[in-house]
């Protein structure tokens, strides 16, 4: 994505300097903010194509920033942080982060992840409304409804449902689902049982339409679209 705008929200100026230099050298336009509140204001003003976000920030931490962004936008978010606990990574993904890199980091790795995230964003199909019986999923509004009633899904739950619907009845393996939701690199670090856990959550929230998600023995899952 040439001339893509990237917002870096990070309170360590030395890190901002390194990221800004290398990202601009790679052809991106970079906007920097050093605290969460300023970062959120910048986000609303410049409408970046991607956000690189620290977690430990003054005024508003990265988790709160991510939640605020996800209320109205699907702009990709790459979390960049010194916090390495699995719980932090899972929480980051649950509230809508697209990827996660820990400090100290390789600039080359960050650039590769930025490129991959932006490429996936470009490759996303045009906004659609997908219907499967009384189940309606609006990809533009990021909203799922059953019989006109809104279904409260986390960002990752929504991604799992979207992948199943876009497969149009084709069975997807657990590894395929994880790769589509997290990307090839991140899915390698996530246990395949994670797919089962998300499917179980989806079924619980879809209630009467839970049976649309069919388990395909020794393969994975598919969704009945009739």
C-alpha atoms as a PDB file:
ATOM      1  CA  UNK A   1       0.000   0.000   0.000  1.00  0.00           C
ATOM      2  CA  UNK A   2       2.006   3.018  -1.241  1.00  0.00           C
ATOM      3  CA  UNK A   3       1.921   6.117   0.921  1.00  0.00           C
ATOM      4  CA  UNK A   4      -0.076   4.333   3.608  1.00  0.00           C
ATOM      5  CA  UNK A   5      -0.447   6.433   6.760  1.00  0.00           C
ATOM      6  CA  UNK A   6       0.813   4.802   9.951  1.00  0.00           C
ATOM      7  CA  UNK A   7       0.120   6.198  13.412  1.00  0.00           C
ATOM      8  CA  UNK A   8       2.756   5.251  16.002  1.00  0.00           C
ATOM      9  CA  UNK A   9       1.529   5.644  19.588  1.00  0.00           C
ATOM     10  CA  UNK A  10       4.543   5.083  21.845  1.00  0.00           C
ATOM     11  CA  UNK A  11       5.919   7.042  24.802  1.00  0.00           C
ATOM     12  CA  UNK A  12       9.580   6.060  24.302  1.00  0.00           C
ATOM     13  CA  UNK A  13      10.945   8.691  21.949  1.00  0.00           C
ATOM     14  CA  UNK A  14      13.952   6.580  20.962  1.00  0.00           C
ATOM     15  CA  UNK A  15      11.635   3.825  19.718  1.00  0.00           C
ATOM     16  CA  UNK A  16       9.456   6.329  17.850  1.00  0.00           C
ATOM     17  CA  UNK A  17      12.570   7.725  16.183  1.00  0.00           C
ATOM     18  CA  UNK A  18      13.716   4.277  15.001  1.00  0.00           C
ATOM     19  CA  UNK A  19      10.274   3.280  13.769  1.00  0.00           C
ATOM     20  CA  UNK A  20       9.643   6.599  12.035  1.00  0.00           C
ATOM     21  CA  UNK A  21      12.991   6.497  10.229  1.00  0.00           C
ATOM     22  CA  UNK A  22      12.575   2.926   8.987  1.00  0.00           C
ATOM     23  CA  UNK A  23       8.898   3.179   8.103  1.00  0.00           C
ATOM     24  CA  UNK A  24       9.419   6.387   6.140  1.00  0.00           C
ATOM     25  CA  UNK A  25      12.395   4.798   4.414  1.00  0.00           C
ATOM     26  CA  UNK A  26      10.038   1.967   3.398  1.00  0.00           C
ATOM     27  CA  UNK A  27       7.677   4.511   1.834  1.00  0.00           C
ATOM     28  CA  UNK A  28       5.075   5.036   4.555  1.00  0.00           C
ATOM     29  CA  UNK A  29       3.806   8.307   5.967  1.00  0.00           C
ATOM     30  CA  UNK A  30       4.279   8.314   9.757  1.00  0.00           C
ATOM     31  CA  UNK A  31       2.429  10.289  12.435  1.00  0.00           C
ATOM     32  CA  UNK A  32       3.644   9.969  16.039  1.00  0.00           C
ATOM     33  CA  UNK A  33       1.912  10.438  19.389  1.00  0.00           C
ATOM     34  CA  UNK A  34       3.462   9.944  22.827  1.00  0.00           C
ATOM     35  CA  UNK A  35       0.407   9.229  24.984  1.00  0.00           C
ATOM     36  CA  UNK A  36      -2.927   7.483  24.545  1.00  0.00           C
ATOM     37  CA  UNK A  37      -5.185  10.537  24.607  1.00  0.00           C
ATOM     38  CA  UNK A  38      -3.144  12.414  22.013  1.00  0.00           C
ATOM     39  CA  UNK A  39      -2.915   9.231  19.965  1.00  0.00           C
ATOM     40  CA  UNK A  40      -6.683   8.858  19.930  1.00  0.00           C
ATOM     41  CA  UNK A  41      -7.111  12.471  18.835  1.00  0.00           C
ATOM     42  CA  UNK A  42      -4.574  11.916  16.050  1.00  0.00           C
ATOM     43  CA  UNK A  43      -6.376   8.740  15.004  1.00  0.00           C
ATOM     44  CA  UNK A  44      -9.669  10.574  14.609  1.00  0.00           C
ATOM     45  CA  UNK A  45      -8.031  13.448  12.755  1.00  0.00           C
ATOM     46  CA  UNK A  46      -5.684  11.708  10.305  1.00  0.00           C
ATOM     47  CA  UNK A  47      -7.573   8.392   9.825  1.00  0.00           C
ATOM     48  CA  UNK A  48      -4.451   6.226   9.478  1.00  0.00           C
ATOM     49  CA  UNK A  49      -4.284   2.970   7.542  1.00  0.00           C
ATOM     50  CA  UNK A  50      -2.590   1.200  10.466  1.00  0.00           C
ATOM     51  CA  UNK A  51      -1.733   1.884  14.114  1.00  0.00           C
ATOM     52  CA  UNK A  52       1.410   0.693  15.898  1.00  0.00           C
ATOM     53  CA  UNK A  53       0.449   0.816  19.547  1.00  0.00           C
ATOM     54  CA  UNK A  54       2.297   0.435  22.844  1.00  0.00           C
ATOM     55  CA  UNK A  55       0.329  -0.919  25.820  1.00  0.00           C
ATOM     56  CA  UNK A  56       1.956   0.958  28.706  1.00  0.00           C
ATOM     57  CA  UNK A  57       1.097   4.555  27.821  1.00  0.00           C
ATOM     58  CA  UNK A  58       0.417   7.672  29.914  1.00  0.00           C
ATOM     59  CA  UNK A  59      -3.147   9.077  30.117  1.00  0.00           C
ATOM     60  CA  UNK A  60      -4.794   6.175  28.239  1.00  0.00           C
ATOM     61  CA  UNK A  61      -3.212   2.728  27.973  1.00  0.00           C
ATOM     62  CA  UNK A  62      -3.096   0.676  24.804  1.00  0.00           C
ATOM     63  CA  UNK A  63      -5.970  -1.600  25.796  1.00  0.00           C
ATOM     64  CA  UNK A  64      -8.315   1.358  26.344  1.00  0.00           C
ATOM     65  CA  UNK A  65      -7.072   2.962  23.124  1.00  0.00           C
ATOM     66  CA  UNK A  66      -7.815  -0.235  21.193  1.00  0.00           C
ATOM     67  CA  UNK A  67     -11.296  -0.526  22.703  1.00  0.00           C
ATOM     68  CA  UNK A  68     -12.073   3.091  21.797  1.00  0.00           C
ATOM     69  CA  UNK A  69     -10.937   2.585  18.194  1.00  0.00           C
ATOM     70  CA  UNK A  70     -12.913  -0.642  17.801  1.00  0.00           C
ATOM     71  CA  UNK A  71     -16.154   1.116  18.702  1.00  0.00           C
ATOM     72  CA  UNK A  72     -16.185   2.701  15.259  1.00  0.00           C
ATOM     73  CA  UNK A  73     -13.308   1.411  13.132  1.00  0.00           C
ATOM     74  CA  UNK A  74     -11.625  -1.737  11.827  1.00  0.00           C
ATOM     75  CA  UNK A  75      -8.313   0.023  11.174  1.00  0.00           C
ATOM     76  CA  UNK A  76      -5.560  -2.591  11.721  1.00  0.00           C
ATOM     77  CA  UNK A  77      -3.685  -2.355  15.035  1.00  0.00           C
ATOM     78  CA  UNK A  78      -0.223  -3.802  15.676  1.00  0.00           C
ATOM     79  CA  UNK A  79       0.563  -3.896  19.391  1.00  0.00           C
ATOM     80  CA  UNK A  80       4.202  -3.313  20.244  1.00  0.00           C
ATOM     81  CA  UNK A  81       5.029  -3.860  23.900  1.00  0.00           C
ATOM     82  CA  UNK A  82       7.403  -5.171  26.548  1.00  0.00           C
ATOM     83  CA  UNK A  83       4.567  -7.166  28.169  1.00  0.00           C
ATOM     84  CA  UNK A  84       5.101 -10.780  27.117  1.00  0.00           C
ATOM     85  CA  UNK A  85       2.508 -12.645  29.213  1.00  0.00           C
ATOM     86  CA  UNK A  86       0.205 -14.884  27.194  1.00  0.00           C
ATOM     87  CA  UNK A  87      -2.763 -13.323  29.002  1.00  0.00           C
ATOM     88  CA  UNK A  88      -1.796  -9.889  27.685  1.00  0.00           C
ATOM     89  CA  UNK A  89      -1.537 -11.232  24.131  1.00  0.00           C
ATOM     90  CA  UNK A  90      -4.915 -12.970  24.365  1.00  0.00           C
ATOM     91  CA  UNK A  91      -6.524  -9.838  25.818  1.00  0.00           C
ATOM     92  CA  UNK A  92      -5.014  -7.743  23.039  1.00  0.00           C
ATOM     93  CA  UNK A  93      -6.462 -10.034  20.387  1.00  0.00           C
ATOM     94  CA  UNK A  94      -9.824 -10.216  22.169  1.00  0.00           C
ATOM     95  CA  UNK A  95     -10.295  -6.447  22.153  1.00  0.00           C
ATOM     96  CA  UNK A  96      -9.370  -6.192  18.496  1.00  0.00           C
ATOM     97  CA  UNK A  97      -5.592  -6.079  17.940  1.00  0.00           C
ATOM     98  CA  UNK A  98      -4.520  -7.607  14.621  1.00  0.00           C
ATOM     99  CA  UNK A  99      -0.971  -8.540  15.586  1.00  0.00           C
ATOM    100  CA  UNK A 100       1.420  -8.373  18.516  1.00  0.00           C
ATOM    101  CA  UNK A 101       5.203  -7.846  18.673  1.00  0.00           C
ATOM    102  CA  UNK A 102       7.189  -7.794  21.908  1.00  0.00           C
ATOM    103  CA  UNK A 103      10.158  -5.609  22.841  1.00  0.00           C
ATOM    104  CA  UNK A 104      13.028  -5.774  22.184  1.00  0.00           C
ATOM    105  CA  UNK A 105      11.986  -6.150  18.580  1.00  0.00           C
ATOM    106  CA  UNK A 106      13.583  -6.541  15.191  1.00  0.00           C
ATOM    107  CA  UNK A 107      12.864  -3.569  12.925  1.00  0.00           C
ATOM    108  CA  UNK A 108      12.866  -5.967   9.993  1.00  0.00           C
ATOM    109  CA  UNK A 109      10.176  -8.075  11.670  1.00  0.00           C
ATOM    110  CA  UNK A 110       8.018  -5.025  12.405  1.00  0.00           C
ATOM    111  CA  UNK A 111       8.292  -3.904   8.779  1.00  0.00           C
ATOM    112  CA  UNK A 112       7.353  -7.387   7.579  1.00  0.00           C
ATOM    113  CA  UNK A 113       4.320  -7.486   9.851  1.00  0.00           C
ATOM    114  CA  UNK A 114       3.238  -3.994   8.788  1.00  0.00           C
ATOM    115  CA  UNK A 115       3.460  -5.035   5.145  1.00  0.00           C
ATOM    116  CA  UNK A 116       1.489  -8.244   5.785  1.00  0.00           C
ATOM    117  CA  UNK A 117      -1.254  -6.477   7.761  1.00  0.00           C
ATOM    118  CA  UNK A 118      -1.705  -3.784   5.115  1.00  0.00           C
ATOM    119  CA  UNK A 119      -1.745  -6.397   2.362  1.00  0.00           C
ATOM    120  CA  UNK A 120      -4.484  -8.345   4.157  1.00  0.00           C
ATOM    121  CA  UNK A 121      -6.481  -5.130   4.549  1.00  0.00           C
ATOM    122  CA  UNK A 122      -6.269  -4.495   0.794  1.00  0.00           C
ATOM    123  CA  UNK A 123      -7.153  -8.101  -0.023  1.00  0.00           C
ATOM    124  CA  UNK A 124     -10.319  -8.021   2.119  1.00  0.00           C
ATOM    125  CA  UNK A 125     -13.404  -8.366  -0.082  1.00  0.00           C
ATOM    126  CA  UNK A 126     -15.640  -5.373  -0.573  1.00  0.00           C
ATOM    127  CA  UNK A 127     -18.122  -4.654   2.197  1.00  0.00           C
ATOM    128  CA  UNK A 128     -20.980  -7.146   2.047  1.00  0.00           C
ATOM    129  CA  UNK A 129     -23.991  -8.329   3.901  1.00  0.00           C
ATOM    130  CA  UNK A 130     -23.945 -12.133   4.123  1.00  0.00           C
ATOM    131  CA  UNK A 131     -27.132 -14.032   4.952  1.00  0.00           C
ATOM    132  CA  UNK A 132     -27.514 -17.584   6.162  1.00  0.00           C
ATOM    133  CA  UNK A 133     -31.180 -18.067   6.980  1.00  0.00           C
ATOM    134  CA  UNK A 134     -32.061 -15.705   9.850  1.00  0.00           C
ATOM    135  CA  UNK A 135     -28.344 -15.083  10.479  1.00  0.00           C
ATOM    136  CA  UNK A 136     -27.237 -11.784   8.899  1.00  0.00           C
ATOM    137  CA  UNK A 137     -23.647 -10.539   9.018  1.00  0.00           C
ATOM    138  CA  UNK A 138     -22.819  -6.996   7.910  1.00  0.00           C
ATOM    139  CA  UNK A 139     -19.087  -6.855   7.081  1.00  0.00           C
ATOM    140  CA  UNK A 140     -19.141  -3.077   6.684  1.00  0.00           C
ATOM    141  CA  UNK A 141     -20.742  -2.327  10.045  1.00  0.00           C
ATOM    142  CA  UNK A 142     -19.030  -5.297  11.678  1.00  0.00           C
ATOM    143  CA  UNK A 143     -22.353  -6.500  13.027  1.00  0.00           C
ATOM    144  CA  UNK A 144     -24.087  -9.867  13.330  1.00  0.00           C
ATOM    145  CA  UNK A 145     -27.807 -10.355  13.853  1.00  0.00           C
ATOM    146  CA  UNK A 146     -30.100 -13.337  14.358  1.00  0.00           C
ATOM    147  CA  UNK A 147     -33.774 -12.728  13.546  1.00  0.00           C
ATOM    148  CA  UNK A 148     -33.092  -8.994  13.699  1.00  0.00           C
ATOM    149  CA  UNK A 149     -31.506  -9.194  17.157  1.00  0.00           C
ATOM    150  CA  UNK A 150     -27.899  -8.025  17.493  1.00  0.00           C
ATOM    151  CA  UNK A 151     -25.406 -10.699  18.579  1.00  0.00           C
ATOM    152  CA  UNK A 152     -22.571  -9.303  20.764  1.00  0.00           C
ATOM    153  CA  UNK A 153     -19.375 -10.793  19.330  1.00  0.00           C
ATOM    154  CA  UNK A 154     -15.772 -10.014  20.208  1.00  0.00           C
ATOM    155  CA  UNK A 155     -13.593  -8.957  17.224  1.00  0.00           C
ATOM    156  CA  UNK A 156     -12.024 -12.414  16.947  1.00  0.00           C
ATOM    157  CA  UNK A 157     -15.367 -14.199  17.262  1.00  0.00           C
ATOM    158  CA  UNK A 158     -16.656 -12.033  14.428  1.00  0.00           C
ATOM    159  CA  UNK A 159     -13.602 -12.921  12.315  1.00  0.00           C
ATOM    160  CA  UNK A 160     -14.204 -16.646  12.845  1.00  0.00           C
ATOM    161  CA  UNK A 161     -17.849 -16.267  11.812  1.00  0.00           C
ATOM    162  CA  UNK A 162     -16.905 -14.169   8.792  1.00  0.00           C
ATOM    163  CA  UNK A 163     -14.356 -16.771   7.623  1.00  0.00           C
ATOM    164  CA  UNK A 164     -16.905 -19.571   7.874  1.00  0.00           C
ATOM    165  CA  UNK A 165     -19.523 -17.580   5.963  1.00  0.00           C
ATOM    166  CA  UNK A 166     -17.101 -16.498   3.246  1.00  0.00           C
ATOM    167  CA  UNK A 167     -16.129 -20.147   2.723  1.00  0.00           C
ATOM    168  CA  UNK A 168     -19.739 -20.563   1.497  1.00  0.00           C
ATOM    169  CA  UNK A 169     -20.302 -24.019   2.937  1.00  0.00           C
ATOM    170  CA  UNK A 170     -16.772 -25.325   2.365  1.00  0.00           C
ATOM    171  CA  UNK A 171     -15.156 -27.002   5.360  1.00  0.00           C
ATOM    172  CA  UNK A 172     -12.194 -25.141   6.880  1.00  0.00           C
ATOM    173  CA  UNK A 173      -9.567 -26.873   8.980  1.00  0.00           C
ATOM    174  CA  UNK A 174      -8.646 -25.477  12.375  1.00  0.00           C
ATOM    175  CA  UNK A 175      -5.288 -24.375  10.974  1.00  0.00           C
ATOM    176  CA  UNK A 176      -6.991 -22.591   8.064  1.00  0.00           C
ATOM    177  CA  UNK A 177      -9.262 -20.728  10.445  1.00  0.00           C
ATOM    178  CA  UNK A 178      -6.388 -19.657  12.673  1.00  0.00           C
ATOM    179  CA  UNK A 179      -4.326 -18.539   9.686  1.00  0.00           C
ATOM    180  CA  UNK A 180      -7.205 -16.503   8.256  1.00  0.00           C
ATOM    181  CA  UNK A 181      -7.956 -14.835  11.607  1.00  0.00           C
ATOM    182  CA  UNK A 182      -4.433 -14.281  12.909  1.00  0.00           C
ATOM    183  CA  UNK A 183      -2.263 -14.476   9.803  1.00  0.00           C
ATOM    184  CA  UNK A 184       0.271 -17.156   8.925  1.00  0.00           C
ATOM    185  CA  UNK A 185       3.017 -16.061  11.336  1.00  0.00           C
ATOM    186  CA  UNK A 186       0.876 -15.607  14.434  1.00  0.00           C
ATOM    187  CA  UNK A 187      -1.232 -18.740  13.875  1.00  0.00           C
ATOM    188  CA  UNK A 188       1.927 -20.851  14.174  1.00  0.00           C
ATOM    189  CA  UNK A 189       2.199 -19.757  17.814  1.00  0.00           C
ATOM    190  CA  UNK A 190      -1.432 -20.514  18.740  1.00  0.00           C
ATOM    191  CA  UNK A 191      -2.699 -23.944  19.746  1.00  0.00           C
ATOM    192  CA  UNK A 192      -5.208 -25.492  17.332  1.00  0.00           C
ATOM    193  CA  UNK A 193      -7.592 -25.968  20.254  1.00  0.00           C
ATOM    194  CA  UNK A 194      -8.060 -22.198  20.182  1.00  0.00           C
ATOM    195  CA  UNK A 195     -10.285 -22.684  17.131  1.00  0.00           C
ATOM    196  CA  UNK A 196     -12.483 -25.093  19.073  1.00  0.00           C
ATOM    197  CA  UNK A 197     -12.797 -22.597  21.921  1.00  0.00           C
ATOM    198  CA  UNK A 198     -13.904 -19.797  19.595  1.00  0.00           C
ATOM    199  CA  UNK A 199     -16.373 -22.056  17.795  1.00  0.00           C
ATOM    200  CA  UNK A 200     -17.873 -23.043  21.158  1.00  0.00           C
ATOM    201  CA  UNK A 201     -18.261 -19.351  22.068  1.00  0.00           C
ATOM    202  CA  UNK A 202     -19.878 -18.592  18.713  1.00  0.00           C
ATOM    203  CA  UNK A 203     -22.362 -21.425  19.095  1.00  0.00           C
ATOM    204  CA  UNK A 204     -23.271 -20.189  22.556  1.00  0.00           C
ATOM    205  CA  UNK A 205     -23.961 -16.673  21.282  1.00  0.00           C
ATOM    206  CA  UNK A 206     -25.817 -17.730  18.135  1.00  0.00           C
ATOM    207  CA  UNK A 207     -28.289 -19.737  20.257  1.00  0.00           C
ATOM    208  CA  UNK A 208     -31.018 -21.062  17.909  1.00  0.00           C
ATOM    209  CA  UNK A 209     -28.657 -20.748  14.937  1.00  0.00           C
ATOM    210  CA  UNK A 210     -25.765 -22.538  16.666  1.00  0.00           C
ATOM    211  CA  UNK A 211     -26.426 -25.720  14.685  1.00  0.00           C
ATOM    212  CA  UNK A 212     -25.515 -23.889  11.489  1.00  0.00           C
ATOM    213  CA  UNK A 213     -21.875 -24.351  12.487  1.00  0.00           C
ATOM    214  CA  UNK A 214     -21.192 -27.985  11.635  1.00  0.00           C
ATOM    215  CA  UNK A 215     -18.243 -29.993  12.942  1.00  0.00           C
ATOM    216  CA  UNK A 216     -16.561 -31.915  10.122  1.00  0.00           C
ATOM    217  CA  UNK A 217     -14.873 -34.937  11.663  1.00  0.00           C
ATOM    218  CA  UNK A 218     -11.076 -35.008  11.311  1.00  0.00           C
ATOM    219  CA  UNK A 219     -11.196 -31.726   9.345  1.00  0.00           C
ATOM    220  CA  UNK A 220     -12.625 -28.702  11.139  1.00  0.00           C
ATOM    221  CA  UNK A 221     -15.809 -26.699  10.636  1.00  0.00           C
ATOM    222  CA  UNK A 222     -18.196 -25.438   8.000  1.00  0.00           C
ATOM    223  CA  UNK A 223     -21.351 -23.362   8.131  1.00  0.00           C
ATOM    224  CA  UNK A 224     -24.681 -24.220   6.540  1.00  0.00           C
ATOM    225  CA  UNK A 225     -25.675 -21.243   4.410  1.00  0.00           C
ATOM    226  CA  UNK A 226     -29.086 -22.567   3.304  1.00  0.00           C
END
